Protein backbone atom coordinates (compact mmCIF):
# COMPACT_ATOMS: atom_id res chain seq x y z
CA MET A 1 3.27 -97.49 -9.41
CA THR A 2 6.07 -96.25 -7.17
CA PRO A 3 8.63 -93.77 -8.52
CA SER A 4 11.31 -96.46 -8.64
CA SER A 5 9.07 -98.75 -10.70
CA VAL A 6 8.25 -96.19 -13.41
CA PRO A 7 9.92 -97.51 -16.56
CA PRO A 8 12.31 -95.15 -18.31
CA THR A 9 11.10 -93.71 -21.58
CA ASP A 10 13.13 -93.12 -24.68
CA SER A 11 13.67 -89.60 -25.88
CA PRO A 12 11.96 -88.73 -29.14
CA PRO A 13 13.91 -89.75 -32.23
CA PRO A 14 15.51 -86.84 -34.08
CA GLY A 15 13.95 -87.74 -37.46
CA LEU A 16 10.48 -86.54 -36.43
CA PRO A 17 9.21 -83.00 -37.10
CA MET A 18 10.06 -80.57 -34.29
CA GLY A 19 6.48 -80.42 -33.08
CA ALA A 20 6.25 -84.19 -32.71
CA GLN A 21 9.60 -84.31 -30.91
CA VAL A 22 8.49 -81.65 -28.41
CA VAL A 23 5.18 -83.46 -27.82
CA ALA A 24 7.11 -86.65 -27.01
CA LEU A 25 9.61 -84.75 -24.84
CA ALA A 26 6.77 -83.00 -22.99
CA ALA A 27 5.01 -86.32 -22.37
CA GLU A 28 8.23 -87.77 -20.96
CA ALA A 29 8.73 -84.79 -18.64
CA GLU A 30 5.13 -84.79 -17.46
CA GLU A 31 5.31 -88.54 -16.83
CA GLN A 32 8.45 -88.07 -14.74
CA VAL A 33 6.80 -85.32 -12.69
CA ARG A 34 3.63 -87.38 -12.16
CA GLY A 35 5.68 -90.46 -11.27
CA GLY A 36 7.72 -88.55 -8.71
CA LEU A 37 10.96 -89.01 -10.65
CA TRP A 38 11.34 -85.27 -11.20
CA GLN A 39 10.64 -82.93 -8.34
CA PHE A 40 11.23 -79.23 -8.82
CA ALA A 41 12.89 -77.27 -6.05
CA PRO A 42 11.78 -73.61 -5.91
CA PRO A 43 14.97 -72.28 -7.62
CA GLU A 44 14.61 -74.85 -10.40
CA ALA A 45 10.94 -73.98 -10.87
CA ALA A 46 11.84 -70.27 -11.03
CA LEU A 47 14.43 -70.96 -13.74
CA ALA A 48 11.93 -73.10 -15.67
CA MET A 49 9.41 -70.24 -15.51
CA LYS A 50 12.03 -67.70 -16.60
CA THR A 51 12.95 -69.94 -19.53
CA ALA A 52 9.27 -70.40 -20.42
CA ASP A 53 8.77 -66.63 -20.33
CA GLY A 54 11.79 -66.17 -22.61
CA LEU A 55 10.29 -68.63 -25.10
CA ALA A 56 6.97 -66.76 -25.04
CA GLU A 57 8.78 -63.47 -25.71
CA GLN A 58 10.25 -64.91 -28.90
CA VAL A 59 7.30 -66.76 -30.39
CA GLY A 60 3.86 -65.29 -30.01
CA PRO A 61 0.48 -66.48 -31.22
CA ALA A 62 0.40 -68.19 -34.62
CA ALA A 63 -1.61 -65.40 -36.27
CA GLU A 64 1.05 -62.84 -35.26
CA GLN A 65 4.02 -64.99 -36.24
CA GLU A 66 2.69 -65.77 -39.69
CA GLN A 67 2.43 -62.05 -40.47
CA LEU A 68 6.15 -61.53 -39.88
CA PRO A 69 8.72 -61.73 -42.67
CA VAL A 70 10.62 -65.03 -42.80
CA ILE A 71 13.85 -63.33 -41.71
CA ASP A 72 12.18 -62.10 -38.50
CA ARG A 73 10.59 -65.48 -37.79
CA LEU A 74 13.96 -67.15 -38.23
CA GLU A 75 15.65 -64.60 -35.97
CA ARG A 76 13.11 -65.32 -33.23
CA LEU A 77 13.61 -69.08 -33.59
CA ARG A 78 17.37 -68.59 -33.23
CA GLU A 79 16.66 -66.56 -30.09
CA VAL A 80 14.73 -69.58 -28.78
CA LEU A 81 17.98 -71.55 -28.98
CA ALA A 82 19.71 -68.80 -27.02
CA VAL A 83 17.00 -68.87 -24.33
CA LEU A 84 17.37 -72.64 -24.01
CA ALA A 85 21.17 -72.40 -23.89
CA ILE A 86 21.05 -69.79 -21.12
CA GLY A 87 18.58 -71.90 -19.14
CA THR A 88 20.78 -74.97 -19.56
CA ALA A 89 23.88 -73.07 -18.46
CA ARG A 90 22.19 -71.94 -15.26
CA THR A 91 21.07 -75.31 -13.93
CA HIS A 92 22.02 -78.96 -13.64
CA GLY A 93 20.30 -82.30 -13.34
CA GLN A 94 16.96 -83.07 -14.94
CA LEU A 95 16.06 -79.51 -15.91
CA ALA A 96 19.42 -79.12 -17.68
CA TRP A 97 18.92 -82.45 -19.44
CA PHE A 98 15.39 -81.49 -20.47
CA LEU A 99 16.49 -78.09 -21.80
CA SER A 100 19.47 -79.67 -23.57
CA ARG A 101 17.21 -82.17 -25.33
CA ALA A 102 14.85 -79.34 -26.27
CA SER A 103 17.81 -77.45 -27.74
CA THR A 104 18.68 -80.50 -29.81
CA VAL A 105 15.14 -80.58 -31.19
CA PHE A 106 15.57 -77.03 -32.50
CA THR A 107 19.01 -77.48 -34.10
CA PRO A 108 17.57 -77.60 -37.65
CA VAL A 109 16.92 -73.88 -37.19
CA LEU A 110 20.69 -73.42 -37.34
CA HIS A 111 20.69 -74.82 -40.88
CA TRP A 112 18.00 -72.44 -42.11
CA ARG A 113 18.46 -69.17 -43.92
CA ALA A 114 15.96 -66.54 -45.02
CA LEU A 115 17.95 -64.94 -47.82
CA PRO A 116 18.59 -66.23 -51.32
CA ALA A 117 22.13 -67.50 -51.71
CA ASP A 118 24.34 -69.31 -54.15
CA PRO A 119 24.40 -72.93 -52.88
CA ARG A 120 28.20 -72.96 -53.25
CA ARG A 121 28.47 -70.09 -50.77
CA SER A 122 25.63 -70.83 -48.33
CA PHE A 123 27.47 -73.33 -46.11
CA GLY A 124 24.77 -75.94 -46.59
CA THR A 125 21.95 -73.79 -45.26
CA VAL A 126 18.47 -74.00 -46.75
CA VAL A 127 15.38 -71.85 -46.81
CA PRO A 128 12.75 -73.47 -44.57
CA THR A 129 9.29 -74.14 -45.90
CA PRO A 130 6.36 -72.25 -44.40
CA GLU A 131 5.28 -75.58 -42.84
CA GLU A 132 8.69 -76.06 -41.19
CA LEU A 133 8.57 -72.55 -39.73
CA ALA A 134 5.04 -73.06 -38.42
CA ASP A 135 5.95 -76.47 -36.96
CA ALA A 136 8.97 -74.98 -35.15
CA GLU A 137 6.85 -72.14 -33.75
CA ARG A 138 4.16 -74.57 -32.55
CA ALA A 139 6.91 -76.61 -30.91
CA VAL A 140 8.13 -73.52 -29.03
CA ARG A 141 4.60 -72.82 -27.80
CA ARG A 142 4.22 -76.43 -26.62
CA LEU A 143 7.58 -76.30 -24.86
CA HIS A 144 6.54 -73.06 -23.14
CA THR A 145 3.33 -74.70 -21.93
CA THR A 146 5.18 -77.77 -20.66
CA LEU A 147 7.74 -75.73 -18.72
CA THR A 148 5.02 -73.55 -17.24
CA ARG A 149 2.76 -76.47 -16.32
CA THR A 150 5.48 -78.58 -14.73
CA ALA A 151 7.09 -75.71 -12.82
CA CYS A 152 3.77 -74.31 -11.61
CA GLY A 153 2.56 -77.77 -10.68
CA ALA A 154 5.59 -78.09 -8.44
CA VAL A 155 5.49 -74.76 -6.63
CA GLY A 156 2.16 -73.16 -7.60
CA CYS A 157 2.07 -70.10 -9.79
CA GLY A 158 -1.58 -69.12 -9.83
CA GLU A 159 -3.31 -68.96 -13.19
CA ARG A 160 -0.95 -68.45 -16.10
CA PRO A 161 -2.27 -68.50 -19.64
CA ALA A 162 -1.13 -71.29 -21.95
CA ALA A 163 0.78 -70.26 -25.07
CA ASP A 164 -0.33 -73.20 -27.23
CA ALA A 165 -2.74 -71.08 -29.30
């Protein structure tokens, strides 16, 4: 199949859990790279790696994350949105579109709160379930792996550990 004959894929629907949306987004990105529709230039690969590193700084291994208080886990997930926003602001084209879509996947985090609140004064925020927090954190790890794999595949980065654990 030539790059021009690779059929476009649809982005993951927003109704899915975050983890499922990131899996679909990652598959779309990896398909584009394999099909030659997305080729990383060295500066773009460097920004993808920097963004991936920023994600890894915020969300560590599952065993560590689950030991943190909910307020700290939520703070780190909000930082993930900041990392994605900074990456998006510093690029254009497919990497910007990919990071923008990833940001959209994580927008439910903006509706979460960790503290008890009177529903009339909480601006519509909700306390996430432990499953929602874990799903979001797994999604960040998967996104980190995808960015690392696609950027390193384009320019070579040596052996870098995956963060999917």
